[in-house]
Amino acid sequence: MIQRGTYQVVPMKGKGLGAIATTFIKQGSVIVDSDPGLLRVMIREMQVFDQQHLDLDRRSECYFDLRATYFQPMLEEQLLLLPQGLQEAIMGLHDRAGEASKSVAGIFFTNAIATEGDDFVLCHMVGRFNSSCQQNAVYEWCDREASASVRAVWDIAKGEEICIFYGSTGDLLKPRRERQEFLRYWGFTCACSSCMDPLSDERRARILEIKRAFEDENVIKIPIIQRYELAKEQLRLYQKERVFFSGYFQALTNCVQLSQSAHEEPQERRHLAELAVHHVKVFFPQNDHLLKECHKALGLTSAEPNLA
């Protein structure tokens, strides 16, 4: 489902600009439908540059400065081929180096996203979304259409800021200190709800602890009832932390699979199965097998669903 005209970019205290929802946005809705890649650096071009600077730490300021200088002429040339309006939109994006040192290359490497082939592209609408460790949206790149889209991963209330996460999904469950250190590359210290909550690290550490327990081959030695309670605890923690990736769906499917053997009440089993069906329909619509297994769970049949 595509919801057009659902946000506006406005000044945000301590953040510069940000995207605010102007209406309720339902989970799974496409917020930005087609945001073309306007500027591009090919992976092979990055590899050539990196080969020339093997001695540099790739998170050092020296590396960033040299990279910006190296790619500036190429990116300036690409920028001048665009209509004036798009040039101005791009130059209005954030540069981690600051306003005084703003450059096309600085803007590019501050806001670029990776393609399926590991090239880097700049899309001016995606570049307007700030980062949060409790992201409520995610960007997706499509090579076939050479454009990006932004989709809601949770329901988003009117007036709520729409945020993606600048790191990888594997970074989401790291402690606050590590996430903040990583995100400082973009020139800010994350002050999202999770980073400001002193109990968040404890909850995310517990998510990881349970995740590792389920990945251990000895998990089958844990009694079913206890295993189910662990799965439910993990799902509640994912929802409390609003962490959509890094194992959320696996936690949900663990609950669905174990609820029958644990003799959960039919109403709760149906609720869990409905969550799984909704998730698959929205985020994995082409996976017929997964949808079939979710429907099996929703039917509360005698056979246990296989959502692995």
C-alpha atoms as a PDB file:
ATOM      1  CA  MET A   1       0.000   0.000   0.000  1.00  0.00           C
ATOM      2  CA  ILE A   2       1.330   3.437  -0.938  1.00  0.00           C
ATOM      3  CA  GLN A   3       0.427   6.443   1.222  1.00  0.00           C
ATOM      4  CA  ARG A   4       1.369   9.608  -0.646  1.00  0.00           C
ATOM      5  CA  GLY A   5       1.732  13.037   0.909  1.00  0.00           C
ATOM      6  CA  THR A   6       2.152  11.565   4.368  1.00  0.00           C
ATOM      7  CA  TYR A   7       5.016  13.679   5.682  1.00  0.00           C
ATOM      8  CA  GLN A   8       6.586  17.081   5.551  1.00  0.00           C
ATOM      9  CA  VAL A   9      10.182  18.150   6.147  1.00  0.00           C
ATOM     10  CA  VAL A  10      10.380  20.681   8.970  1.00  0.00           C
ATOM     11  CA  PRO A  11      13.024  22.147  11.293  1.00  0.00           C
ATOM     12  CA  MET A  12      13.758  19.830  14.223  1.00  0.00           C
ATOM     13  CA  LYS A  13      15.260  21.019  17.503  1.00  0.00           C
ATOM     14  CA  GLY A  14      18.851  19.840  17.668  1.00  0.00           C
ATOM     15  CA  LYS A  15      18.579  17.967  14.367  1.00  0.00           C
ATOM     16  CA  GLY A  16      18.366  20.523  11.601  1.00  0.00           C
ATOM     17  CA  LEU A  17      15.551  19.156   9.440  1.00  0.00           C
ATOM     18  CA  GLY A  18      13.419  16.040   9.813  1.00  0.00           C
ATOM     19  CA  ALA A  19      10.409  14.275   8.266  1.00  0.00           C
ATOM     20  CA  ILE A  20       7.211  14.452  10.335  1.00  0.00           C
ATOM     21  CA  ALA A  21       4.145  12.320   9.590  1.00  0.00           C
ATOM     22  CA  THR A  22       1.182  14.503   8.619  1.00  0.00           C
ATOM     23  CA  THR A  23      -1.264  11.612   8.988  1.00  0.00           C
ATOM     24  CA  PHE A  24      -1.396   8.142  10.541  1.00  0.00           C
ATOM     25  CA  ILE A  25       0.819   5.767   8.542  1.00  0.00           C
ATOM     26  CA  LYS A  26      -0.002   2.076   8.739  1.00  0.00           C
ATOM     27  CA  GLN A  27       2.743  -0.511   9.185  1.00  0.00           C
ATOM     28  CA  GLY A  28       4.002  -1.708   5.809  1.00  0.00           C
ATOM     29  CA  SER A  29       2.848   1.396   3.923  1.00  0.00           C
ATOM     30  CA  VAL A  30       5.213   2.832   1.319  1.00  0.00           C
ATOM     31  CA  ILE A  31       5.997   6.401   2.363  1.00  0.00           C
ATOM     32  CA  VAL A  32       8.325   7.245  -0.527  1.00  0.00           C
ATOM     33  CA  ASP A  33       7.444   5.341  -3.673  1.00  0.00           C
ATOM     34  CA  SER A  34      10.235   6.022  -6.150  1.00  0.00           C
ATOM     35  CA  ASP A  35      13.284   8.097  -5.274  1.00  0.00           C
ATOM     36  CA  PRO A  36      15.779   7.791  -8.143  1.00  0.00           C
ATOM     37  CA  GLY A  37      19.512   7.575  -7.638  1.00  0.00           C
ATOM     38  CA  LEU A  38      20.780  10.973  -8.797  1.00  0.00           C
ATOM     39  CA  LEU A  39      24.490  10.614  -8.107  1.00  0.00           C
ATOM     40  CA  ARG A  40      26.461   7.360  -8.117  1.00  0.00           C
ATOM     41  CA  VAL A  41      29.894   6.031  -7.207  1.00  0.00           C
ATOM     42  CA  MET A  42      30.556   2.547  -8.540  1.00  0.00           C
ATOM     43  CA  ILE A  43      31.971  -0.092  -6.228  1.00  0.00           C
ATOM     44  CA  ARG A  44      34.933  -0.602  -8.545  1.00  0.00           C
ATOM     45  CA  GLU A  45      35.741   3.120  -8.275  1.00  0.00           C
ATOM     46  CA  MET A  46      35.681   2.853  -4.495  1.00  0.00           C
ATOM     47  CA  GLN A  47      37.947  -0.189  -4.678  1.00  0.00           C
ATOM     48  CA  VAL A  48      40.473   1.723  -6.795  1.00  0.00           C
ATOM     49  CA  PHE A  49      40.545   4.521  -4.230  1.00  0.00           C
ATOM     50  CA  ASP A  50      40.805   2.121  -1.286  1.00  0.00           C
ATOM     51  CA  GLN A  51      43.688   0.256  -2.910  1.00  0.00           C
ATOM     52  CA  GLN A  52      45.596   3.529  -3.008  1.00  0.00           C
ATOM     53  CA  HIS A  53      45.066   4.084   0.722  1.00  0.00           C
ATOM     54  CA  LEU A  54      45.413   0.677   2.348  1.00  0.00           C
ATOM     55  CA  ASP A  55      47.355   2.188   5.234  1.00  0.00           C
ATOM     56  CA  LEU A  56      44.455   4.403   6.351  1.00  0.00           C
ATOM     57  CA  ASP A  57      41.765   3.582   8.897  1.00  0.00           C
ATOM     58  CA  ARG A  58      38.517   3.770   6.939  1.00  0.00           C
ATOM     59  CA  ARG A  59      36.807   5.559   9.817  1.00  0.00           C
ATOM     60  CA  SER A  60      39.487   8.198  10.211  1.00  0.00           C
ATOM     61  CA  GLU A  61      38.971  11.860   9.310  1.00  0.00           C
ATOM     62  CA  CYS A  62      42.034  11.656   7.072  1.00  0.00           C
ATOM     63  CA  TYR A  63      40.392   8.902   5.028  1.00  0.00           C
ATOM     64  CA  PHE A  64      37.106  10.849   4.782  1.00  0.00           C
ATOM     65  CA  ASP A  65      38.871  14.025   3.648  1.00  0.00           C
ATOM     66  CA  LEU A  66      40.951  12.233   1.007  1.00  0.00           C
ATOM     67  CA  ARG A  67      37.893  10.379  -0.280  1.00  0.00           C
ATOM     68  CA  ALA A  68      35.891  13.599  -0.617  1.00  0.00           C
ATOM     69  CA  THR A  69      38.732  15.295  -2.475  1.00  0.00           C
ATOM     70  CA  TYR A  70      39.208  12.301  -4.795  1.00  0.00           C
ATOM     71  CA  PHE A  71      35.528  11.992  -5.785  1.00  0.00           C
ATOM     72  CA  GLN A  72      34.608  15.702  -5.799  1.00  0.00           C
ATOM     73  CA  PRO A  73      35.300  16.309  -9.537  1.00  0.00           C
ATOM     74  CA  MET A  74      33.353  13.212 -10.609  1.00  0.00           C
ATOM     75  CA  LEU A  75      30.359  14.052  -8.440  1.00  0.00           C
ATOM     76  CA  GLU A  76      30.382  17.722  -9.449  1.00  0.00           C
ATOM     77  CA  GLU A  77      30.199  16.624 -13.081  1.00  0.00           C
ATOM     78  CA  GLN A  78      27.209  14.382 -12.334  1.00  0.00           C
ATOM     79  CA  LEU A  79      25.508  17.147 -10.355  1.00  0.00           C
ATOM     80  CA  LEU A  80      25.748  19.651 -13.227  1.00  0.00           C
ATOM     81  CA  LEU A  81      23.846  17.242 -15.507  1.00  0.00           C
ATOM     82  CA  LEU A  82      20.772  17.478 -13.250  1.00  0.00           C
ATOM     83  CA  PRO A  83      17.999  20.105 -13.443  1.00  0.00           C
ATOM     84  CA  GLN A  84      18.625  23.202 -11.335  1.00  0.00           C
ATOM     85  CA  GLY A  85      15.893  22.266  -8.846  1.00  0.00           C
ATOM     86  CA  LEU A  86      17.462  18.900  -8.100  1.00  0.00           C
ATOM     87  CA  GLN A  87      20.906  20.473  -7.815  1.00  0.00           C
ATOM     88  CA  GLU A  88      19.567  22.826  -5.165  1.00  0.00           C
ATOM     89  CA  ALA A  89      17.761  19.992  -3.361  1.00  0.00           C
ATOM     90  CA  ILE A  90      20.963  17.954  -3.193  1.00  0.00           C
ATOM     91  CA  MET A  91      23.040  20.897  -1.998  1.00  0.00           C
ATOM     92  CA  GLY A  92      20.457  21.431   0.739  1.00  0.00           C
ATOM     93  CA  LEU A  93      21.202  18.035   2.278  1.00  0.00           C
ATOM     94  CA  HIS A  94      23.392  17.596   5.352  1.00  0.00           C
ATOM     95  CA  ASP A  95      27.179  17.340   5.088  1.00  0.00           C
ATOM     96  CA  ARG A  96      28.880  15.778   8.111  1.00  0.00           C
ATOM     97  CA  ALA A  97      31.792  18.187   7.571  1.00  0.00           C
ATOM     98  CA  GLY A  98      29.537  21.149   8.435  1.00  0.00           C
ATOM     99  CA  GLU A  99      28.081  24.071   6.520  1.00  0.00           C
ATOM    100  CA  ALA A 100      31.392  25.890   6.182  1.00  0.00           C
ATOM    101  CA  SER A 101      33.014  22.919   4.447  1.00  0.00           C
ATOM    102  CA  LYS A 102      29.974  21.642   2.530  1.00  0.00           C
ATOM    103  CA  SER A 103      30.759  19.972  -0.809  1.00  0.00           C
ATOM    104  CA  VAL A 104      29.013  17.670  -3.260  1.00  0.00           C
ATOM    105  CA  ALA A 105      31.280  14.798  -2.228  1.00  0.00           C
ATOM    106  CA  GLY A 106      30.736  15.517   1.467  1.00  0.00           C
ATOM    107  CA  ILE A 107      26.955  15.527   0.970  1.00  0.00           C
ATOM    108  CA  PHE A 108      27.170  12.370  -1.113  1.00  0.00           C
ATOM    109  CA  PHE A 109      29.100  10.285   1.420  1.00  0.00           C
ATOM    110  CA  THR A 110      26.978  11.601   4.285  1.00  0.00           C
ATOM    111  CA  ASN A 111      23.703  10.572   2.645  1.00  0.00           C
ATOM    112  CA  ALA A 112      24.485   7.835   0.091  1.00  0.00           C
ATOM    113  CA  ILE A 113      22.901   4.393   0.359  1.00  0.00           C
ATOM    114  CA  ALA A 114      24.122   1.054  -0.977  1.00  0.00           C
ATOM    115  CA  THR A 115      22.580  -0.621  -4.015  1.00  0.00           C
ATOM    116  CA  GLU A 116      22.096  -4.356  -4.499  1.00  0.00           C
ATOM    117  CA  GLY A 117      25.415  -4.411  -6.347  1.00  0.00           C
ATOM    118  CA  ASP A 118      27.211  -2.450  -3.590  1.00  0.00           C
ATOM    119  CA  ASP A 119      27.498   0.772  -5.573  1.00  0.00           C
ATOM    120  CA  PHE A 120      26.678   3.956  -3.660  1.00  0.00           C
ATOM    121  CA  VAL A 121      23.864   6.274  -4.757  1.00  0.00           C
ATOM    122  CA  LEU A 122      22.377   9.521  -3.514  1.00  0.00           C
ATOM    123  CA  CYS A 123      18.584   9.879  -3.448  1.00  0.00           C
ATOM    124  CA  HIS A 124      17.491  13.291  -2.287  1.00  0.00           C
ATOM    125  CA  MET A 125      14.231  12.252  -0.564  1.00  0.00           C
ATOM    126  CA  VAL A 126      15.754   9.325   1.375  1.00  0.00           C
ATOM    127  CA  GLY A 127      18.467  11.746   2.481  1.00  0.00           C
ATOM    128  CA  ARG A 128      15.853  13.747   4.417  1.00  0.00           C
ATOM    129  CA  PHE A 129      15.122  11.019   6.975  1.00  0.00           C
ATOM    130  CA  ASN A 130      16.999  11.127  10.270  1.00  0.00           C
ATOM    131  CA  SER A 131      18.319   8.107  12.155  1.00  0.00           C
ATOM    132  CA  SER A 132      16.902   6.458  15.266  1.00  0.00           C
ATOM    133  CA  CYS A 133      17.794   3.234  17.082  1.00  0.00           C
ATOM    134  CA  GLN A 134      14.019   2.808  17.335  1.00  0.00           C
ATOM    135  CA  GLN A 135      13.464   3.237  13.623  1.00  0.00           C
ATOM    136  CA  ASN A 136       9.888   3.193  12.362  1.00  0.00           C
ATOM    137  CA  ALA A 137      10.825   3.063   8.670  1.00  0.00           C
ATOM    138  CA  VAL A 138      13.370   1.469   6.359  1.00  0.00           C
ATOM    139  CA  TYR A 139      14.675   2.314   2.904  1.00  0.00           C
ATOM    140  CA  GLU A 140      14.808  -0.296   0.140  1.00  0.00           C
ATOM    141  CA  TRP A 141      16.798   0.003  -3.078  1.00  0.00           C
ATOM    142  CA  CYS A 142      15.640  -1.615  -6.332  1.00  0.00           C
ATOM    143  CA  ASP A 143      18.320  -2.055  -9.029  1.00  0.00           C
ATOM    144  CA  ARG A 144      15.721  -2.802 -11.698  1.00  0.00           C
ATOM    145  CA  GLU A 145      14.031   0.569 -11.200  1.00  0.00           C
ATOM    146  CA  ALA A 146      17.232   2.376 -10.144  1.00  0.00           C
ATOM    147  CA  SER A 147      15.335   3.988  -7.294  1.00  0.00           C
ATOM    148  CA  ALA A 148      14.762   3.736  -3.564  1.00  0.00           C
ATOM    149  CA  SER A 149      11.580   3.560  -1.529  1.00  0.00           C
ATOM    150  CA  VAL A 150      10.847   4.103   2.153  1.00  0.00           C
ATOM    151  CA  ARG A 151       8.440   1.817   4.002  1.00  0.00           C
ATOM    152  CA  ALA A 152       6.941   1.982   7.503  1.00  0.00           C
ATOM    153  CA  VAL A 153       7.997  -0.958   9.689  1.00  0.00           C
ATOM    154  CA  TRP A 154       5.723   0.045  12.590  1.00  0.00           C
ATOM    155  CA  ASP A 155       2.539   2.087  12.722  1.00  0.00           C
ATOM    156  CA  ILE A 156       3.507   5.769  12.732  1.00  0.00           C
ATOM    157  CA  ALA A 157       1.307   8.301  14.520  1.00  0.00           C
ATOM    158  CA  LYS A 158       0.450  11.696  13.090  1.00  0.00           C
ATOM    159  CA  GLY A 159       3.082  14.149  14.293  1.00  0.00           C
ATOM    160  CA  GLU A 160       5.696  11.429  14.894  1.00  0.00           C
ATOM    161  CA  GLU A 161       9.093  11.781  13.255  1.00  0.00           C
ATOM    162  CA  ILE A 162       9.761   9.209  10.533  1.00  0.00           C
ATOM    163  CA  CYS A 163      13.209   7.721  11.087  1.00  0.00           C
ATOM    164  CA  ILE A 164      15.358   5.071   9.462  1.00  0.00           C
ATOM    165  CA  PHE A 165      18.559   3.647  10.986  1.00  0.00           C
ATOM    166  CA  TYR A 166      21.859   4.602   9.417  1.00  0.00           C
ATOM    167  CA  GLY A 167      23.690   1.475  10.524  1.00  0.00           C
ATOM    168  CA  SER A 168      23.176  -2.153   9.543  1.00  0.00           C
ATOM    169  CA  THR A 169      20.562  -4.337  11.217  1.00  0.00           C
ATOM    170  CA  GLY A 170      23.382  -6.083  13.073  1.00  0.00           C
ATOM    171  CA  ASP A 171      24.171  -2.806  14.869  1.00  0.00           C
ATOM    172  CA  LEU A 172      20.707  -2.394  16.363  1.00  0.00           C
ATOM    173  CA  LEU A 173      21.230  -4.711  19.330  1.00  0.00           C
ATOM    174  CA  LYS A 174      24.656  -3.356  20.230  1.00  0.00           C
ATOM    175  CA  PRO A 175      24.991  -1.318  23.443  1.00  0.00           C
ATOM    176  CA  ARG A 176      24.154   2.379  23.278  1.00  0.00           C
ATOM    177  CA  ARG A 177      27.810   3.439  23.583  1.00  0.00           C
ATOM    178  CA  GLU A 178      28.795   1.364  20.537  1.00  0.00           C
ATOM    179  CA  ARG A 179      25.834   2.581  18.462  1.00  0.00           C
ATOM    180  CA  GLN A 180      26.524   6.203  19.326  1.00  0.00           C
ATOM    181  CA  GLU A 181      30.208   5.847  18.496  1.00  0.00           C
ATOM    182  CA  PHE A 182      29.320   4.337  15.114  1.00  0.00           C
ATOM    183  CA  LEU A 183      26.709   7.023  14.361  1.00  0.00           C
ATOM    184  CA  ARG A 184      29.108   9.880  15.135  1.00  0.00           C
ATOM    185  CA  TYR A 185      30.393   9.421  11.600  1.00  0.00           C
ATOM    186  CA  TRP A 186      27.323  11.389  10.487  1.00  0.00           C
ATOM    187  CA  GLY A 187      28.260  14.262  12.785  1.00  0.00           C
ATOM    188  CA  PHE A 188      25.765  13.765  15.618  1.00  0.00           C
ATOM    189  CA  THR A 189      25.350  11.953  18.919  1.00  0.00           C
ATOM    190  CA  CYS A 190      22.168   9.888  18.781  1.00  0.00           C
ATOM    191  CA  ALA A 191      19.618  11.030  21.364  1.00  0.00           C
ATOM    192  CA  CYS A 192      16.691   8.819  20.292  1.00  0.00           C
ATOM    193  CA  SER A 193      14.302   7.365  22.875  1.00  0.00           C
ATOM    194  CA  SER A 194      16.388   4.213  23.162  1.00  0.00           C
ATOM    195  CA  CYS A 195      19.674   6.065  23.667  1.00  0.00           C
ATOM    196  CA  MET A 196      18.052   8.216  26.372  1.00  0.00           C
ATOM    197  CA  ASP A 197      16.543   5.229  28.238  1.00  0.00           C
ATOM    198  CA  PRO A 198      18.966   3.803  30.841  1.00  0.00           C
ATOM    199  CA  LEU A 199      17.159   0.434  30.752  1.00  0.00           C
ATOM    200  CA  SER A 200      17.309   0.004  26.974  1.00  0.00           C
ATOM    201  CA  ASP A 201      20.756  -1.637  26.970  1.00  0.00           C
ATOM    202  CA  GLU A 202      19.542  -4.193  29.479  1.00  0.00           C
ATOM    203  CA  ARG A 203      16.522  -5.064  27.354  1.00  0.00           C
ATOM    204  CA  ARG A 204      18.558  -5.351  24.145  1.00  0.00           C
ATOM    205  CA  ALA A 205      21.162  -7.494  25.906  1.00  0.00           C
ATOM    206  CA  ARG A 206      18.355  -9.786  27.066  1.00  0.00           C
ATOM    207  CA  ILE A 207      17.038 -10.037  23.486  1.00  0.00           C
ATOM    208  CA  LEU A 208      20.502 -11.176  22.380  1.00  0.00           C
ATOM    209  CA  GLU A 209      20.755 -13.626  25.279  1.00  0.00           C
ATOM    210  CA  ILE A 210      17.490 -15.314  24.333  1.00  0.00           C
ATOM    211  CA  LYS A 211      18.404 -15.177  20.630  1.00  0.00           C
ATOM    212  CA  ARG A 212      21.616 -17.102  21.333  1.00  0.00           C
ATOM    213  CA  ALA A 213      19.746 -19.622  23.468  1.00  0.00           C
ATOM    214  CA  PHE A 214      17.408 -20.424  20.555  1.00  0.00           C
ATOM    215  CA  GLU A 215      20.346 -20.677  18.147  1.00  0.00           C
ATOM    216  CA  ASP A 216      22.097 -23.194  20.414  1.00  0.00           C
ATOM    217  CA  GLU A 217      21.585 -26.838  19.437  1.00  0.00           C
ATOM    218  CA  ASN A 218      20.843 -27.625  23.088  1.00  0.00           C
ATOM    219  CA  VAL A 219      17.702 -25.505  22.999  1.00  0.00           C
ATOM    220  CA  ILE A 220      15.640 -28.673  22.540  1.00  0.00           C
ATOM    221  CA  LYS A 221      16.660 -29.690  26.066  1.00  0.00           C
ATOM    222  CA  ILE A 222      14.759 -26.720  27.479  1.00  0.00           C
ATOM    223  CA  PRO A 223      11.214 -27.791  28.454  1.00  0.00           C
ATOM    224  CA  ILE A 224       8.554 -26.619  25.994  1.00  0.00           C
ATOM    225  CA  ILE A 225       6.726 -24.405  28.494  1.00  0.00           C
ATOM    226  CA  GLN A 226       9.957 -22.688  29.531  1.00  0.00           C
ATOM    227  CA  ARG A 227      11.007 -22.317  25.891  1.00  0.00           C
ATOM    228  CA  TYR A 228       7.679 -20.742  25.031  1.00  0.00           C
ATOM    229  CA  GLU A 229       7.965 -18.294  27.934  1.00  0.00           C
ATOM    230  CA  LEU A 230      11.415 -17.288  26.662  1.00  0.00           C
ATOM    231  CA  ALA A 231      10.016 -16.749  23.159  1.00  0.00           C
ATOM    232  CA  LYS A 232       7.184 -14.588  24.502  1.00  0.00           C
ATOM    233  CA  GLU A 233       9.586 -12.579  26.642  1.00  0.00           C
ATOM    234  CA  GLN A 234      11.817 -11.948  23.638  1.00  0.00           C
ATOM    235  CA  LEU A 235       8.886 -10.863  21.449  1.00  0.00           C
ATOM    236  CA  ARG A 236       7.695  -8.423  24.138  1.00  0.00           C
ATOM    237  CA  LEU A 237      11.207  -6.965  24.374  1.00  0.00           C
ATOM    238  CA  TYR A 238      11.450  -6.511  20.598  1.00  0.00           C
ATOM    239  CA  GLN A 239       8.123  -4.688  20.645  1.00  0.00           C
ATOM    240  CA  LYS A 240       9.079  -2.588  23.689  1.00  0.00           C
ATOM    241  CA  GLU A 241      12.359  -1.571  22.038  1.00  0.00           C
ATOM    242  CA  ARG A 242      10.672  -1.153  18.641  1.00  0.00           C
ATOM    243  CA  VAL A 243      13.413  -3.191  17.023  1.00  0.00           C
ATOM    244  CA  PHE A 244      11.911  -4.572  13.832  1.00  0.00           C
ATOM    245  CA  PHE A 245      15.040  -6.278  12.471  1.00  0.00           C
ATOM    246  CA  SER A 246      17.785  -8.430  14.033  1.00  0.00           C
ATOM    247  CA  GLY A 247      15.467 -11.371  14.689  1.00  0.00           C
ATOM    248  CA  TYR A 248      12.024  -9.899  15.339  1.00  0.00           C
ATOM    249  CA  PHE A 249      10.204 -12.159  12.892  1.00  0.00           C
ATOM    250  CA  GLN A 250      12.088 -15.227  14.145  1.00  0.00           C
ATOM    251  CA  ALA A 251      10.959 -14.368  17.680  1.00  0.00           C
ATOM    252  CA  LEU A 252       7.382 -14.116  16.426  1.00  0.00           C
ATOM    253  CA  THR A 253       7.575 -17.444  14.582  1.00  0.00           C
ATOM    254  CA  ASN A 254       9.084 -19.115  17.668  1.00  0.00           C
ATOM    255  CA  CYS A 255       6.020 -17.994  19.593  1.00  0.00           C
ATOM    256  CA  VAL A 256       3.658 -19.272  16.896  1.00  0.00           C
ATOM    257  CA  GLN A 257       5.402 -22.638  16.672  1.00  0.00           C
ATOM    258  CA  LEU A 258       5.653 -23.221  20.409  1.00  0.00           C
ATOM    259  CA  SER A 259       2.229 -21.909  21.409  1.00  0.00           C
ATOM    260  CA  GLN A 260       0.421 -25.103  20.429  1.00  0.00           C
ATOM    261  CA  SER A 261       2.808 -27.513  22.141  1.00  0.00           C
ATOM    262  CA  ALA A 262       2.760 -25.253  25.207  1.00  0.00           C
ATOM    263  CA  HIS A 263      -1.063 -25.524  25.257  1.00  0.00           C
ATOM    264  CA  GLU A 264      -1.565 -21.783  24.971  1.00  0.00           C
ATOM    265  CA  GLU A 265      -5.144 -20.500  25.001  1.00  0.00           C
ATOM    266  CA  PRO A 266      -6.684 -20.557  21.485  1.00  0.00           C
ATOM    267  CA  GLN A 267      -7.333 -16.812  21.556  1.00  0.00           C
ATOM    268  CA  GLU A 268      -3.659 -16.019  22.203  1.00  0.00           C
ATOM    269  CA  ARG A 269      -2.519 -18.576  19.622  1.00  0.00           C
ATOM    270  CA  ARG A 270      -4.766 -16.940  17.047  1.00  0.00           C
ATOM    271  CA  HIS A 271      -3.449 -13.499  17.968  1.00  0.00           C
ATOM    272  CA  LEU A 272       0.152 -14.639  17.425  1.00  0.00           C
ATOM    273  CA  ALA A 273      -0.741 -16.341  14.139  1.00  0.00           C
ATOM    274  CA  GLU A 274      -2.556 -13.208  12.928  1.00  0.00           C
ATOM    275  CA  LEU A 275       0.553 -11.145  13.670  1.00  0.00           C
ATOM    276  CA  ALA A 276       2.634 -13.603  11.623  1.00  0.00           C
ATOM    277  CA  VAL A 277       0.174 -13.614   8.694  1.00  0.00           C
ATOM    278  CA  HIS A 278       0.082  -9.818   8.646  1.00  0.00           C
ATOM    279  CA  HIS A 279       3.888  -9.645   8.746  1.00  0.00           C
ATOM    280  CA  VAL A 280       4.319 -12.069   5.848  1.00  0.00           C
ATOM    281  CA  LYS A 281       1.616 -10.429   3.706  1.00  0.00           C
ATOM    282  CA  VAL A 282       3.221  -7.017   4.152  1.00  0.00           C
ATOM    283  CA  PHE A 283       6.917  -7.832   4.060  1.00  0.00           C
ATOM    284  CA  PHE A 284       7.202 -11.217   2.285  1.00  0.00           C
ATOM    285  CA  PRO A 285       4.237 -11.232  -0.124  1.00  0.00           C
ATOM    286  CA  GLN A 286       6.013 -13.470  -2.671  1.00  0.00           C
ATOM    287  CA  ASN A 287       6.837 -16.209  -0.139  1.00  0.00           C
ATOM    288  CA  ASP A 288       3.898 -18.561  -0.717  1.00  0.00           C
ATOM    289  CA  HIS A 289       5.309 -21.302   1.537  1.00  0.00           C
ATOM    290  CA  LEU A 290       5.690 -18.956   4.495  1.00  0.00           C
ATOM    291  CA  LEU A 291       2.215 -17.533   4.000  1.00  0.00           C
ATOM    292  CA  LYS A 292       0.749 -21.039   3.786  1.00  0.00           C
ATOM    293  CA  GLU A 293       2.410 -22.030   7.060  1.00  0.00           C
ATOM    294  CA  CYS A 294       1.119 -18.875   8.737  1.00  0.00           C
ATOM    295  CA  HIS A 295      -2.390 -19.635   7.513  1.00  0.00           C
ATOM    296  CA  LYS A 296      -2.006 -23.150   8.890  1.00  0.00           C
ATOM    297  CA  ALA A 297      -1.171 -21.624  12.263  1.00  0.00           C
ATOM    298  CA  LEU A 298      -4.099 -19.244  11.974  1.00  0.00           C
ATOM    299  CA  GLY A 299      -6.406 -22.200  11.318  1.00  0.00           C
ATOM    300  CA  LEU A 300      -5.258 -23.735  14.602  1.00  0.00           C
ATOM    301  CA  THR A 301      -4.951 -27.131  12.939  1.00  0.00           C
ATOM    302  CA  SER A 302      -3.540 -30.203  14.675  1.00  0.00           C
ATOM    303  CA  ALA A 303      -0.358 -29.939  12.580  1.00  0.00           C
ATOM    304  CA  GLU A 304       2.248 -27.503  13.842  1.00  0.00           C
ATOM    305  CA  PRO A 305       3.324 -24.861  11.327  1.00  0.00           C
ATOM    306  CA  ASN A 306       6.885 -24.949  10.056  1.00  0.00           C
ATOM    307  CA  LEU A 307       7.931 -21.309   9.825  1.00  0.00           C
ATOM    308  CA  ALA A 308      11.662 -21.920   9.855  1.00  0.00           C
END
